[in-house]
């Protein structure tokens, strides 16, 4: 499953500040059972807007991590809070099927 959210960097702050906190928190979160990695991307044309994606084996494992996790994760998240606004976009299951167009050879 994917947990996706949008990060808006507040005026006067920099995406690199959030990225530093993201990496530190992710290193701890990724120790939890079911954690499968994270991604952080800048929006094209809007460098103060990011999309964050966390990959998990299941929603239940992600929920379990949130219920009982390393206390330093909360400290890191609080340290980043003053320079960002976060909007949860949602949780998405892995697709049951994927449609990809066939490659056209030139």
C-alpha atoms as a PDB file:
ATOM      1  CA  UNK A   1       0.000   0.000   0.000  1.00  0.00           C
ATOM      2  CA  UNK A   2       1.002   3.596  -0.452  1.00  0.00           C
ATOM      3  CA  UNK A   3       0.436   6.411   2.020  1.00  0.00           C
ATOM      4  CA  UNK A   4       0.583   9.710   0.109  1.00  0.00           C
ATOM      5  CA  UNK A   5       0.590  13.286   1.325  1.00  0.00           C
ATOM      6  CA  UNK A   6       1.351  16.764   0.045  1.00  0.00           C
ATOM      7  CA  UNK A   7       3.823  19.018   1.826  1.00  0.00           C
ATOM      8  CA  UNK A   8       3.579  22.789   1.394  1.00  0.00           C
ATOM      9  CA  UNK A   9       6.722  24.604   2.513  1.00  0.00           C
ATOM     10  CA  UNK A  10       5.851  27.856   4.318  1.00  0.00           C
ATOM     11  CA  UNK A  11       7.236  31.192   3.063  1.00  0.00           C
ATOM     12  CA  UNK A  12      10.771  31.867   4.229  1.00  0.00           C
ATOM     13  CA  UNK A  13      11.512  28.175   4.678  1.00  0.00           C
ATOM     14  CA  UNK A  14      13.208  25.703   2.364  1.00  0.00           C
ATOM     15  CA  UNK A  15      12.322  22.225   1.125  1.00  0.00           C
ATOM     16  CA  UNK A  16      15.762  21.036   2.252  1.00  0.00           C
ATOM     17  CA  UNK A  17      14.762  21.695   5.884  1.00  0.00           C
ATOM     18  CA  UNK A  18      11.813  19.347   5.546  1.00  0.00           C
ATOM     19  CA  UNK A  19      13.839  16.833   3.536  1.00  0.00           C
ATOM     20  CA  UNK A  20      16.335  16.597   6.408  1.00  0.00           C
ATOM     21  CA  UNK A  21      13.542  15.855   8.899  1.00  0.00           C
ATOM     22  CA  UNK A  22      11.925  13.444   6.403  1.00  0.00           C
ATOM     23  CA  UNK A  23      15.123  11.413   6.104  1.00  0.00           C
ATOM     24  CA  UNK A  24      15.700  11.277   9.866  1.00  0.00           C
ATOM     25  CA  UNK A  25      12.122  10.172  10.600  1.00  0.00           C
ATOM     26  CA  UNK A  26      12.091   7.736   7.679  1.00  0.00           C
ATOM     27  CA  UNK A  27      15.250   6.018   8.902  1.00  0.00           C
ATOM     28  CA  UNK A  28      13.427   5.189  12.147  1.00  0.00           C
ATOM     29  CA  UNK A  29      10.066   4.392  10.544  1.00  0.00           C
ATOM     30  CA  UNK A  30      11.692   2.018   8.052  1.00  0.00           C
ATOM     31  CA  UNK A  31      12.740  -0.217  10.944  1.00  0.00           C
ATOM     32  CA  UNK A  32       9.074  -1.135  11.523  1.00  0.00           C
ATOM     33  CA  UNK A  33       7.715  -4.427  10.176  1.00  0.00           C
ATOM     34  CA  UNK A  34       6.111  -3.929   6.777  1.00  0.00           C
ATOM     35  CA  UNK A  35       7.894  -0.663   5.911  1.00  0.00           C
ATOM     36  CA  UNK A  36       9.019  -0.752   2.266  1.00  0.00           C
ATOM     37  CA  UNK A  37      10.603   2.641   1.664  1.00  0.00           C
ATOM     38  CA  UNK A  38       9.781   6.286   1.167  1.00  0.00           C
ATOM     39  CA  UNK A  39       9.983   8.897  -1.580  1.00  0.00           C
ATOM     40  CA  UNK A  40       9.909  12.689  -1.548  1.00  0.00           C
ATOM     41  CA  UNK A  41       9.403  14.656  -4.786  1.00  0.00           C
ATOM     42  CA  UNK A  42       9.254  18.360  -5.666  1.00  0.00           C
ATOM     43  CA  UNK A  43       6.293  19.507  -7.733  1.00  0.00           C
ATOM     44  CA  UNK A  44       7.275  20.690 -11.218  1.00  0.00           C
ATOM     45  CA  UNK A  45       7.178  24.490 -11.309  1.00  0.00           C
ATOM     46  CA  UNK A  46       6.430  24.764  -7.575  1.00  0.00           C
ATOM     47  CA  UNK A  47       9.625  24.003  -5.626  1.00  0.00           C
ATOM     48  CA  UNK A  48       7.887  24.811  -2.341  1.00  0.00           C
ATOM     49  CA  UNK A  49       5.395  21.956  -2.819  1.00  0.00           C
ATOM     50  CA  UNK A  50       6.360  18.314  -2.346  1.00  0.00           C
ATOM     51  CA  UNK A  51       4.635  14.969  -2.557  1.00  0.00           C
ATOM     52  CA  UNK A  52       5.649  12.333  -0.039  1.00  0.00           C
ATOM     53  CA  UNK A  53       5.002   8.637  -0.534  1.00  0.00           C
ATOM     54  CA  UNK A  54       5.519   5.904   2.039  1.00  0.00           C
ATOM     55  CA  UNK A  55       5.294   2.289   0.895  1.00  0.00           C
ATOM     56  CA  UNK A  56       4.009  -0.434   3.244  1.00  0.00           C
ATOM     57  CA  UNK A  57       3.165  -4.120   2.998  1.00  0.00           C
ATOM     58  CA  UNK A  58      -0.253  -3.377   4.528  1.00  0.00           C
ATOM     59  CA  UNK A  59      -2.348  -0.667   6.156  1.00  0.00           C
ATOM     60  CA  UNK A  60      -2.470  -2.752   9.324  1.00  0.00           C
ATOM     61  CA  UNK A  61       1.331  -2.684   9.607  1.00  0.00           C
ATOM     62  CA  UNK A  62       1.440   1.065   9.051  1.00  0.00           C
ATOM     63  CA  UNK A  63      -1.298   1.572  11.654  1.00  0.00           C
ATOM     64  CA  UNK A  64       0.628  -0.640  14.105  1.00  0.00           C
ATOM     65  CA  UNK A  65       3.748   1.486  13.612  1.00  0.00           C
ATOM     66  CA  UNK A  66       1.762   4.650  14.337  1.00  0.00           C
ATOM     67  CA  UNK A  67       0.321   3.176  17.520  1.00  0.00           C
ATOM     68  CA  UNK A  68       3.662   2.063  18.879  1.00  0.00           C
ATOM     69  CA  UNK A  69       6.725   3.726  17.433  1.00  0.00           C
ATOM     70  CA  UNK A  70      10.070   5.180  18.414  1.00  0.00           C
ATOM     71  CA  UNK A  71       9.430   8.378  20.453  1.00  0.00           C
ATOM     72  CA  UNK A  72      12.089  10.235  18.468  1.00  0.00           C
ATOM     73  CA  UNK A  73       9.790  10.103  15.416  1.00  0.00           C
ATOM     74  CA  UNK A  74       7.334  12.461  17.155  1.00  0.00           C
ATOM     75  CA  UNK A  75      10.178  14.806  18.101  1.00  0.00           C
ATOM     76  CA  UNK A  76      11.391  14.950  14.497  1.00  0.00           C
ATOM     77  CA  UNK A  77       7.871  15.590  13.163  1.00  0.00           C
ATOM     78  CA  UNK A  78       7.311  18.370  15.724  1.00  0.00           C
ATOM     79  CA  UNK A  79      10.631  19.962  14.743  1.00  0.00           C
ATOM     80  CA  UNK A  80       9.485  20.185  11.105  1.00  0.00           C
ATOM     81  CA  UNK A  81       5.947  21.396  11.854  1.00  0.00           C
ATOM     82  CA  UNK A  82       6.757  25.137  12.007  1.00  0.00           C
ATOM     83  CA  UNK A  83       7.916  25.284   8.381  1.00  0.00           C
ATOM     84  CA  UNK A  84       5.376  23.060   6.595  1.00  0.00           C
ATOM     85  CA  UNK A  85       1.689  22.385   6.126  1.00  0.00           C
ATOM     86  CA  UNK A  86       0.833  18.764   5.424  1.00  0.00           C
ATOM     87  CA  UNK A  87      -2.286  17.539   3.649  1.00  0.00           C
ATOM     88  CA  UNK A  88      -2.991  13.813   3.603  1.00  0.00           C
ATOM     89  CA  UNK A  89      -3.982  12.706   0.121  1.00  0.00           C
ATOM     90  CA  UNK A  90      -4.816   9.171   1.210  1.00  0.00           C
ATOM     91  CA  UNK A  91      -3.887   5.537   1.487  1.00  0.00           C
ATOM     92  CA  UNK A  92      -3.887   3.410  -1.641  1.00  0.00           C
ATOM     93  CA  UNK A  93      -3.746  -0.348  -2.045  1.00  0.00           C
ATOM     94  CA  UNK A  94      -1.391  -1.856  -4.570  1.00  0.00           C
ATOM     95  CA  UNK A  95      -3.283  -2.367  -7.835  1.00  0.00           C
ATOM     96  CA  UNK A  96      -4.894  -5.723  -8.526  1.00  0.00           C
ATOM     97  CA  UNK A  97      -3.837  -5.260 -12.129  1.00  0.00           C
ATOM     98  CA  UNK A  98      -1.795  -2.794 -14.140  1.00  0.00           C
ATOM     99  CA  UNK A  99      -2.476  -1.773 -17.711  1.00  0.00           C
ATOM    100  CA  UNK A 100       0.571  -0.675 -19.672  1.00  0.00           C
ATOM    101  CA  UNK A 101       0.616   0.135 -23.368  1.00  0.00           C
ATOM    102  CA  UNK A 102       2.794  -2.063 -25.494  1.00  0.00           C
ATOM    103  CA  UNK A 103       6.021  -0.508 -26.681  1.00  0.00           C
ATOM    104  CA  UNK A 104       5.868   0.756 -30.241  1.00  0.00           C
ATOM    105  CA  UNK A 105       9.150   0.273 -32.063  1.00  0.00           C
ATOM    106  CA  UNK A 106      10.222   2.990 -34.472  1.00  0.00           C
END
